[in-house]
């Protein structure tokens, strides 16, 4: 089975490719011009991931997988959670 991993992050792709080694899943890197899709703002990680998958499917029209992650720190009430990317780019 061929499956596109809709990411522009080469490190995420390499890790996923390695994790699937020895399976019947052939993970394919997307075209180098894969655009970032607008990410909805939601505190629900599943809602964000499903929305991202639908948007990429609308662009590619092929079976694909997306990954969305977060960093949840209990002592900070779960912050930054799914907003890790935005916090990383914030300048103090």
PDB file of N, CA and C in Angstrom:
ATOM      1  N   UNK A   1       0.844  -1.179   0.000  1.00  0.00           N
ATOM      2  CA  UNK A   1       0.000   0.000   0.000  1.00  0.00           C
ATOM      3  C   UNK A   1       0.888   1.241   0.000  1.00  0.00           C
ATOM      4  N   UNK A   2       0.574   2.187  -0.864  1.00  0.00           N
ATOM      5  CA  UNK A   2       1.270   3.468  -0.873  1.00  0.00           C
ATOM      6  C   UNK A   2       0.472   4.481  -0.060  1.00  0.00           C
ATOM      7  N   UNK A   3       1.183   5.202   0.770  1.00  0.00           N
ATOM      8  CA  UNK A   3       0.558   6.174   1.655  1.00  0.00           C
ATOM      9  C   UNK A   3       1.442   7.413   1.693  1.00  0.00           C
ATOM     10  N   UNK A   4       0.860   8.560   1.396  1.00  0.00           N
ATOM     11  CA  UNK A   4       1.602   9.821   1.456  1.00  0.00           C
ATOM     12  C   UNK A   4       1.608  10.321   2.898  1.00  0.00           C
ATOM     13  N   UNK A   5       2.774  10.726   3.361  1.00  0.00           N
ATOM     14  CA  UNK A   5       2.876  11.364   4.669  1.00  0.00           C
ATOM     15  C   UNK A   5       2.909  12.861   4.399  1.00  0.00           C
ATOM     16  N   UNK A   6       1.808  13.525   4.638  1.00  0.00           N
ATOM     17  CA  UNK A   6       1.664  14.945   4.310  1.00  0.00           C
ATOM     18  C   UNK A   6       2.389  15.797   5.346  1.00  0.00           C
ATOM     19  N   UNK A   7       3.685  15.921   5.150  1.00  0.00           N
ATOM     20  CA  UNK A   7       4.508  16.767   6.007  1.00  0.00           C
ATOM     21  C   UNK A   7       5.623  17.371   5.168  1.00  0.00           C
ATOM     22  N   UNK A   8       6.057  18.542   5.565  1.00  0.00           N
ATOM     23  CA  UNK A   8       7.220  19.151   4.925  1.00  0.00           C
ATOM     24  C   UNK A   8       8.448  18.994   5.821  1.00  0.00           C
ATOM     25  N   UNK A   9       8.274  18.297   6.949  1.00  0.00           N
ATOM     26  CA  UNK A   9       9.355  18.094   7.910  1.00  0.00           C
ATOM     27  C   UNK A   9      10.093  16.799   7.576  1.00  0.00           C
ATOM     28  N   UNK A  10      11.315  16.919   7.072  1.00  0.00           N
ATOM     29  CA  UNK A  10      12.067  15.741   6.633  1.00  0.00           C
ATOM     30  C   UNK A  10      12.411  14.811   7.796  1.00  0.00           C
ATOM     31  N   UNK A  11      12.528  15.343   9.006  1.00  0.00           N
ATOM     32  CA  UNK A  11      12.846  14.506  10.164  1.00  0.00           C
ATOM     33  C   UNK A  11      11.634  13.660  10.575  1.00  0.00           C
ATOM     34  N   UNK A  12      10.453  14.253  10.543  1.00  0.00           N
ATOM     35  CA  UNK A  12       9.233  13.485  10.821  1.00  0.00           C
ATOM     36  C   UNK A  12       9.070  12.370   9.797  1.00  0.00           C
ATOM     37  N   UNK A  13       9.327  12.708   8.531  1.00  0.00           N
ATOM     38  CA  UNK A  13       9.175  11.711   7.471  1.00  0.00           C
ATOM     39  C   UNK A  13      10.153  10.556   7.668  1.00  0.00           C
ATOM     40  N   UNK A  14      11.409  10.869   7.954  1.00  0.00           N
ATOM     41  CA  UNK A  14      12.426   9.826   8.136  1.00  0.00           C
ATOM     42  C   UNK A  14      12.072   8.906   9.300  1.00  0.00           C
ATOM     43  N   UNK A  15      11.585   9.472  10.396  1.00  0.00           N
ATOM     44  CA  UNK A  15      11.196   8.663  11.549  1.00  0.00           C
ATOM     45  C   UNK A  15      10.027   7.749  11.246  1.00  0.00           C
ATOM     46  N   UNK A  16       9.044   8.267  10.532  1.00  0.00           N
ATOM     47  CA  UNK A  16       7.879   7.459  10.171  1.00  0.00           C
ATOM     48  C   UNK A  16       8.268   6.361   9.188  1.00  0.00           C
ATOM     49  N   UNK A  17       9.120   6.691   8.241  1.00  0.00           N
ATOM     50  CA  UNK A  17       9.588   5.712   7.250  1.00  0.00           C
ATOM     51  C   UNK A  17      10.306   4.561   7.958  1.00  0.00           C
ATOM     52  N   UNK A  18      11.135   4.900   8.927  1.00  0.00           N
ATOM     53  CA  UNK A  18      11.859   3.882   9.688  1.00  0.00           C
ATOM     54  C   UNK A  18      10.890   3.032  10.514  1.00  0.00           C
ATOM     55  N   UNK A  19       9.894   3.665  11.125  1.00  0.00           N
ATOM     56  CA  UNK A  19       8.924   2.933  11.939  1.00  0.00           C
ATOM     57  C   UNK A  19       8.118   1.939  11.107  1.00  0.00           C
ATOM     58  N   UNK A  20       7.908   2.245   9.835  1.00  0.00           N
ATOM     59  CA  UNK A  20       7.114   1.372   8.966  1.00  0.00           C
ATOM     60  C   UNK A  20       7.958   0.381   8.170  1.00  0.00           C
ATOM     61  N   UNK A  21       9.272   0.417   8.365  1.00  0.00           N
ATOM     62  CA  UNK A  21      10.149  -0.525   7.658  1.00  0.00           C
ATOM     63  C   UNK A  21       9.727  -1.953   8.007  1.00  0.00           C
ATOM     64  N   UNK A  22       9.673  -2.796   7.000  1.00  0.00           N
ATOM     65  CA  UNK A  22       9.287  -4.183   7.212  1.00  0.00           C
ATOM     66  C   UNK A  22       7.791  -4.428   7.143  1.00  0.00           C
ATOM     67  N   UNK A  23       7.016  -3.371   6.918  1.00  0.00           N
ATOM     68  CA  UNK A  23       5.570  -3.527   6.745  1.00  0.00           C
ATOM     69  C   UNK A  23       5.250  -3.443   5.258  1.00  0.00           C
ATOM     70  N   UNK A  24       3.999  -3.664   4.929  1.00  0.00           N
ATOM     71  CA  UNK A  24       3.599  -3.549   3.520  1.00  0.00           C
ATOM     72  C   UNK A  24       3.167  -2.129   3.159  1.00  0.00           C
ATOM     73  N   UNK A  25       3.480  -1.172   4.036  1.00  0.00           N
ATOM     74  CA  UNK A  25       3.139   0.228   3.772  1.00  0.00           C
ATOM     75  C   UNK A  25       4.359   0.937   3.197  1.00  0.00           C
ATOM     76  N   UNK A  26       4.207   1.459   1.997  1.00  0.00           N
ATOM     77  CA  UNK A  26       5.262   2.236   1.348  1.00  0.00           C
ATOM     78  C   UNK A  26       4.949   3.712   1.558  1.00  0.00           C
ATOM     79  N   UNK A  27       5.637   4.313   2.508  1.00  0.00           N
ATOM     80  CA  UNK A  27       5.406   5.723   2.826  1.00  0.00           C
ATOM     81  C   UNK A  27       6.085   6.591   1.776  1.00  0.00           C
ATOM     82  N   UNK A  28       5.334   7.530   1.237  1.00  0.00           N
ATOM     83  CA  UNK A  28       5.818   8.385   0.157  1.00  0.00           C
ATOM     84  C   UNK A  28       5.904   9.825   0.647  1.00  0.00           C
ATOM     85  N   UNK A  29       7.015  10.464   0.334  1.00  0.00           N
ATOM     86  CA  UNK A  29       7.157  11.889   0.641  1.00  0.00           C
ATOM     87  C   UNK A  29       6.311  12.678  -0.346  1.00  0.00           C
ATOM     88  N   UNK A  30       5.655  13.722   0.114  1.00  0.00           N
ATOM     89  CA  UNK A  30       4.870  14.533  -0.814  1.00  0.00           C
ATOM     90  C   UNK A  30       5.776  15.319  -1.748  1.00  0.00           C
ATOM     91  N   UNK A  31       5.180  15.848  -2.767  1.00  0.00           N
ATOM     92  CA  UNK A  31       5.892  16.731  -3.687  1.00  0.00           C
ATOM     93  C   UNK A  31       6.570  17.838  -2.881  1.00  0.00           C
ATOM     94  N   UNK A  32       7.730  18.237  -3.297  1.00  0.00           N
ATOM     95  CA  UNK A  32       8.496  19.277  -2.584  1.00  0.00           C
ATOM     96  C   UNK A  32       7.745  20.598  -2.484  1.00  0.00           C
ATOM     97  N   UNK A  33       6.739  20.790  -3.311  1.00  0.00           N
ATOM     98  CA  UNK A  33       5.995  22.048  -3.294  1.00  0.00           C
ATOM     99  C   UNK A  33       4.721  21.956  -2.455  1.00  0.00           C
ATOM    100  N   UNK A  34       4.623  20.930  -1.609  1.00  0.00           N
ATOM    101  CA  UNK A  34       3.437  20.787  -0.766  1.00  0.00           C
ATOM    102  C   UNK A  34       3.262  22.047   0.079  1.00  0.00           C
ATOM    103  N   UNK A  35       2.141  22.730  -0.073  1.00  0.00           N
ATOM    104  CA  UNK A  35       1.949  23.959   0.701  1.00  0.00           C
ATOM    105  C   UNK A  35       1.531  23.641   2.131  1.00  0.00           C
ATOM    106  N   UNK A  36       1.828  24.558   3.030  1.00  0.00           N
ATOM    107  CA  UNK A  36       1.252  24.453   4.361  1.00  0.00           C
ATOM    108  C   UNK A  36      -0.216  24.804   4.229  1.00  0.00           C
ATOM    109  N   UNK A  37      -1.057  24.040   4.888  1.00  0.00           N
ATOM    110  CA  UNK A  37      -2.478  24.369   4.868  1.00  0.00           C
ATOM    111  C   UNK A  37      -2.783  25.183   6.122  1.00  0.00           C
ATOM    112  N   UNK A  38      -3.749  26.080   6.045  1.00  0.00           N
ATOM    113  CA  UNK A  38      -4.105  26.859   7.230  1.00  0.00           C
ATOM    114  C   UNK A  38      -4.558  25.920   8.349  1.00  0.00           C
ATOM    115  N   UNK A  39      -3.986  26.092   9.520  1.00  0.00           N
ATOM    116  CA  UNK A  39      -4.344  25.234  10.644  1.00  0.00           C
ATOM    117  C   UNK A  39      -5.401  25.926  11.487  1.00  0.00           C
ATOM    118  N   UNK A  40      -6.488  25.209  11.732  1.00  0.00           N
ATOM    119  CA  UNK A  40      -7.538  25.783  12.563  1.00  0.00           C
ATOM    120  C   UNK A  40      -7.047  25.899  13.996  1.00  0.00           C
ATOM    121  N   UNK A  41      -7.610  26.808  14.740  1.00  0.00           N
ATOM    122  CA  UNK A  41      -7.276  26.978  16.140  1.00  0.00           C
ATOM    123  C   UNK A  41      -8.334  26.265  16.968  1.00  0.00           C
ATOM    124  N   UNK A  42      -7.911  25.231  17.658  1.00  0.00           N
ATOM    125  CA  UNK A  42      -8.807  24.460  18.508  1.00  0.00           C
ATOM    126  C   UNK A  42      -7.986  23.854  19.623  1.00  0.00           C
ATOM    127  N   UNK A  43      -8.574  23.699  20.780  1.00  0.00           N
ATOM    128  CA  UNK A  43      -7.898  23.031  21.884  1.00  0.00           C
ATOM    129  C   UNK A  43      -7.998  21.517  21.760  1.00  0.00           C
ATOM    130  N   UNK A  44      -8.739  21.037  20.783  1.00  0.00           N
ATOM    131  CA  UNK A  44      -8.944  19.603  20.569  1.00  0.00           C
ATOM    132  C   UNK A  44      -7.993  19.112  19.482  1.00  0.00           C
ATOM    133  N   UNK A  45      -6.997  18.347  19.883  1.00  0.00           N
ATOM    134  CA  UNK A  45      -5.969  17.879  18.955  1.00  0.00           C
ATOM    135  C   UNK A  45      -6.557  17.024  17.837  1.00  0.00           C
ATOM    136  N   UNK A  46      -7.566  16.233  18.133  1.00  0.00           N
ATOM    137  CA  UNK A  46      -8.189  15.395  17.108  1.00  0.00           C
ATOM    138  C   UNK A  46      -8.876  16.247  16.044  1.00  0.00           C
ATOM    139  N   UNK A  47      -9.540  17.300  16.454  1.00  0.00           N
ATOM    140  CA  UNK A  47     -10.215  18.195  15.509  1.00  0.00           C
ATOM    141  C   UNK A  47      -9.193  18.824  14.562  1.00  0.00           C
ATOM    142  N   UNK A  48      -8.056  19.255  15.101  1.00  0.00           N
ATOM    143  CA  UNK A  48      -7.006  19.865  14.282  1.00  0.00           C
ATOM    144  C   UNK A  48      -6.452  18.850  13.282  1.00  0.00           C
ATOM    145  N   UNK A  49      -6.178  17.634  13.746  1.00  0.00           N
ATOM    146  CA  UNK A  49      -5.609  16.600  12.875  1.00  0.00           C
ATOM    147  C   UNK A  49      -6.560  16.197  11.761  1.00  0.00           C
ATOM    148  N   UNK A  50      -7.821  16.002  12.087  1.00  0.00           N
ATOM    149  CA  UNK A  50      -8.805  15.616  11.067  1.00  0.00           C
ATOM    150  C   UNK A  50      -8.965  16.729  10.036  1.00  0.00           C
ATOM    151  N   UNK A  51      -9.025  17.969  10.499  1.00  0.00           N
ATOM    152  CA  UNK A  51      -9.145  19.098   9.576  1.00  0.00           C
ATOM    153  C   UNK A  51      -7.945  19.160   8.633  1.00  0.00           C
ATOM    154  N   UNK A  52      -6.745  18.960   9.172  1.00  0.00           N
ATOM    155  CA  UNK A  52      -5.530  18.980   8.358  1.00  0.00           C
ATOM    156  C   UNK A  52      -5.556  17.847   7.329  1.00  0.00           C
ATOM    157  N   UNK A  53      -5.980  16.656   7.741  1.00  0.00           N
ATOM    158  CA  UNK A  53      -6.048  15.512   6.819  1.00  0.00           C
ATOM    159  C   UNK A  53      -7.029  15.781   5.680  1.00  0.00           C
ATOM    160  N   UNK A  54      -8.170  16.348   5.997  1.00  0.00           N
ATOM    161  CA  UNK A  54      -9.168  16.653   4.961  1.00  0.00           C
ATOM    162  C   UNK A  54      -8.614  17.682   3.972  1.00  0.00           C
ATOM    163  N   UNK A  55      -7.964  18.715   4.484  1.00  0.00           N
ATOM    164  CA  UNK A  55      -7.413  19.755   3.599  1.00  0.00           C
ATOM    165  C   UNK A  55      -6.338  19.191   2.678  1.00  0.00           C
ATOM    166  N   UNK A  56      -5.456  18.345   3.218  1.00  0.00           N
ATOM    167  CA  UNK A  56      -4.419  17.749   2.364  1.00  0.00           C
ATOM    168  C   UNK A  56      -5.026  16.758   1.376  1.00  0.00           C
ATOM    169  N   UNK A  57      -6.049  16.013   1.795  1.00  0.00           N
ATOM    170  CA  UNK A  57      -6.691  15.092   0.851  1.00  0.00           C
ATOM    171  C   UNK A  57      -7.336  15.876  -0.293  1.00  0.00           C
ATOM    172  N   UNK A  58      -7.960  16.992   0.025  1.00  0.00           N
ATOM    173  CA  UNK A  58      -8.562  17.832  -1.019  1.00  0.00           C
ATOM    174  C   UNK A  58      -7.512  18.294  -2.034  1.00  0.00           C
ATOM    175  N   UNK A  59      -6.278  18.502  -1.588  1.00  0.00           N
ATOM    176  CA  UNK A  59      -5.191  18.915  -2.484  1.00  0.00           C
ATOM    177  C   UNK A  59      -4.611  17.743  -3.280  1.00  0.00           C
ATOM    178  N   UNK A  60      -4.405  16.605  -2.613  1.00  0.00           N
ATOM    179  CA  UNK A  60      -3.650  15.503  -3.207  1.00  0.00           C
ATOM    180  C   UNK A  60      -4.504  14.395  -3.821  1.00  0.00           C
ATOM    181  N   UNK A  61      -5.715  14.217  -3.297  1.00  0.00           N
ATOM    182  CA  UNK A  61      -6.636  13.173  -3.795  1.00  0.00           C
ATOM    183  C   UNK A  61      -6.010  11.778  -3.765  1.00  0.00           C
ATOM    184  N   UNK A  62      -5.228  11.495  -2.730  1.00  0.00           N
ATOM    185  CA  UNK A  62      -4.589  10.186  -2.564  1.00  0.00           C
ATOM    186  C   UNK A  62      -4.595   9.818  -1.086  1.00  0.00           C
ATOM    187  N   UNK A  63      -4.500   8.518  -0.777  1.00  0.00           N
ATOM    188  CA  UNK A  63      -4.430   8.120   0.635  1.00  0.00           C
ATOM    189  C   UNK A  63      -3.243   8.796   1.319  1.00  0.00           C
ATOM    190  N   UNK A  64      -3.474   9.308   2.508  1.00  0.00           N
ATOM    191  CA  UNK A  64      -2.419  10.031   3.203  1.00  0.00           C
ATOM    192  C   UNK A  64      -2.573   9.919   4.702  1.00  0.00           C
ATOM    193  N   UNK A  65      -1.536  10.335   5.367  1.00  0.00           N
ATOM    194  CA  UNK A  65      -1.549  10.400   6.819  1.00  0.00           C
ATOM    195  C   UNK A  65      -0.936  11.741   7.224  1.00  0.00           C
ATOM    196  N   UNK A  66      -1.435  12.297   8.317  1.00  0.00           N
ATOM    197  CA  UNK A  66      -0.862  13.508   8.893  1.00  0.00           C
ATOM    198  C   UNK A  66      -0.546  13.214  10.354  1.00  0.00           C
ATOM    199  N   UNK A  67       0.298  14.025  10.927  1.00  0.00           N
ATOM    200  CA  UNK A  67       0.582  13.892  12.349  1.00  0.00           C
ATOM    201  C   UNK A  67       0.562  15.277  12.963  1.00  0.00           C
ATOM    202  N   UNK A  68      -0.100  15.370  14.072  1.00  0.00           N
ATOM    203  CA  UNK A  68      -0.106  16.615  14.818  1.00  0.00           C
ATOM    204  C   UNK A  68       0.221  16.244  16.255  1.00  0.00           C
ATOM    205  N   UNK A  69       1.090  16.984  16.868  1.00  0.00           N
ATOM    206  CA  UNK A  69       1.496  16.651  18.228  1.00  0.00           C
ATOM    207  C   UNK A  69       1.505  17.904  19.083  1.00  0.00           C
ATOM    208  N   UNK A  70       1.721  17.704  20.348  1.00  0.00           N
ATOM    209  CA  UNK A  70       1.789  18.825  21.260  1.00  0.00           C
ATOM    210  C   UNK A  70       2.637  18.475  22.466  1.00  0.00           C
ATOM    211  N   UNK A  71       2.929  19.465  23.245  1.00  0.00           N
ATOM    212  CA  UNK A  71       3.689  19.305  24.480  1.00  0.00           C
ATOM    213  C   UNK A  71       2.786  19.775  25.611  1.00  0.00           C
ATOM    214  N   UNK A  72       2.359  18.842  26.441  1.00  0.00           N
ATOM    215  CA  UNK A  72       1.399  19.131  27.497  1.00  0.00           C
ATOM    216  C   UNK A  72       2.104  19.054  28.852  1.00  0.00           C
ATOM    217  N   UNK A  73       2.296  20.199  29.493  1.00  0.00           N
ATOM    218  CA  UNK A  73       3.005  20.272  30.772  1.00  0.00           C
ATOM    219  C   UNK A  73       1.971  20.449  31.879  1.00  0.00           C
ATOM    220  N   UNK A  74       1.845  19.410  32.720  1.00  0.00           N
ATOM    221  CA  UNK A  74       0.832  19.422  33.776  1.00  0.00           C
ATOM    222  C   UNK A  74       0.950  20.643  34.684  1.00  0.00           C
ATOM    223  N   UNK A  75       2.173  20.988  35.072  1.00  0.00           N
ATOM    224  CA  UNK A  75       2.388  22.111  35.989  1.00  0.00           C
ATOM    225  C   UNK A  75       1.978  23.455  35.386  1.00  0.00           C
ATOM    226  N   UNK A  76       1.810  23.491  34.071  1.00  0.00           N
ATOM    227  CA  UNK A  76       1.378  24.719  33.393  1.00  0.00           C
ATOM    228  C   UNK A  76      -0.046  24.582  32.864  1.00  0.00           C
ATOM    229  N   UNK A  77      -0.800  23.670  33.457  1.00  0.00           N
ATOM    230  CA  UNK A  77      -2.186  23.487  33.028  1.00  0.00           C
ATOM    231  C   UNK A  77      -2.307  22.961  31.607  1.00  0.00           C
ATOM    232  N   UNK A  78      -1.304  22.190  31.169  1.00  0.00           N
ATOM    233  CA  UNK A  78      -1.341  21.639  29.819  1.00  0.00           C
ATOM    234  C   UNK A  78      -0.699  22.526  28.770  1.00  0.00           C
ATOM    235  N   UNK A  79      -0.279  23.718  29.164  1.00  0.00           N
ATOM    236  CA  UNK A  79       0.362  24.644  28.230  1.00  0.00           C
ATOM    237  C   UNK A  79       1.730  24.114  27.840  1.00  0.00           C
ATOM    238  N   UNK A  80       2.181  24.288  26.625  1.00  0.00           N
ATOM    239  CA  UNK A  80       1.546  24.930  25.488  1.00  0.00           C
ATOM    240  C   UNK A  80       0.579  24.035  24.714  1.00  0.00           C
ATOM    241  N   UNK A  81       0.518  22.747  25.066  1.00  0.00           N
ATOM    242  CA  UNK A  81      -0.442  21.864  24.406  1.00  0.00           C
ATOM    243  C   UNK A  81      -0.203  21.768  22.917  1.00  0.00           C
ATOM    244  N   UNK A  82      -1.271  21.936  22.139  1.00  0.00           N
ATOM    245  CA  UNK A  82      -1.136  21.830  20.682  1.00  0.00           C
ATOM    246  C   UNK A  82      -0.594  23.113  20.053  1.00  0.00           C
ATOM    247  N   UNK A  83      -0.332  24.121  20.872  1.00  0.00           N
ATOM    248  CA  UNK A  83       0.184  25.390  20.351  1.00  0.00           C
ATOM    249  C   UNK A  83       1.712  25.470  20.424  1.00  0.00           C
ATOM    250  N   UNK A  84       2.382  24.339  20.492  1.00  0.00           N
ATOM    251  CA  UNK A  84       3.839  24.287  20.611  1.00  0.00           C
ATOM    252  C   UNK A  84       4.533  25.054  19.496  1.00  0.00           C
ATOM    253  N   UNK A  85       4.077  24.867  18.274  1.00  0.00           N
ATOM    254  CA  UNK A  85       4.702  25.525  17.119  1.00  0.00           C
ATOM    255  C   UNK A  85       4.644  27.052  17.259  1.00  0.00           C
ATOM    256  N   UNK A  86       3.533  27.559  17.745  1.00  0.00           N
ATOM    257  CA  UNK A  86       3.380  29.006  17.879  1.00  0.00           C
ATOM    258  C   UNK A  86       4.241  29.547  19.010  1.00  0.00           C
ATOM    259  N   UNK A  87       4.339  28.811  20.101  1.00  0.00           N
ATOM    260  CA  UNK A  87       5.166  29.237  21.226  1.00  0.00           C
ATOM    261  C   UNK A  87       6.634  29.238  20.823  1.00  0.00           C
ATOM    262  N   UNK A  88       7.044  28.236  20.045  1.00  0.00           N
ATOM    263  CA  UNK A  88       8.433  28.139  19.599  1.00  0.00           C
ATOM    264  C   UNK A  88       8.825  29.349  18.755  1.00  0.00           C
ATOM    265  N   UNK A  89       7.898  29.885  17.981  1.00  0.00           N
ATOM    266  CA  UNK A  89       8.201  31.018  17.106  1.00  0.00           C
ATOM    267  C   UNK A  89       7.987  32.378  17.781  1.00  0.00           C
ATOM    268  N   UNK A  90       7.460  32.369  19.010  1.00  0.00           N
ATOM    269  CA  UNK A  90       7.208  33.612  19.728  1.00  0.00           C
ATOM    270  C   UNK A  90       8.529  34.219  20.181  1.00  0.00           C
ATOM    271  N   UNK A  91       8.687  35.499  19.995  1.00  0.00           N
ATOM    272  CA  UNK A  91       9.899  36.212  20.423  1.00  0.00           C
ATOM    273  C   UNK A  91       9.562  37.050  21.652  1.00  0.00           C
ATOM    274  N   UNK A  92      10.335  36.874  22.695  1.00  0.00           N
ATOM    275  CA  UNK A  92      10.093  37.592  23.950  1.00  0.00           C
ATOM    276  C   UNK A  92      10.622  38.998  23.900  1.00  0.00           C
TER     277      UNK A  92
END
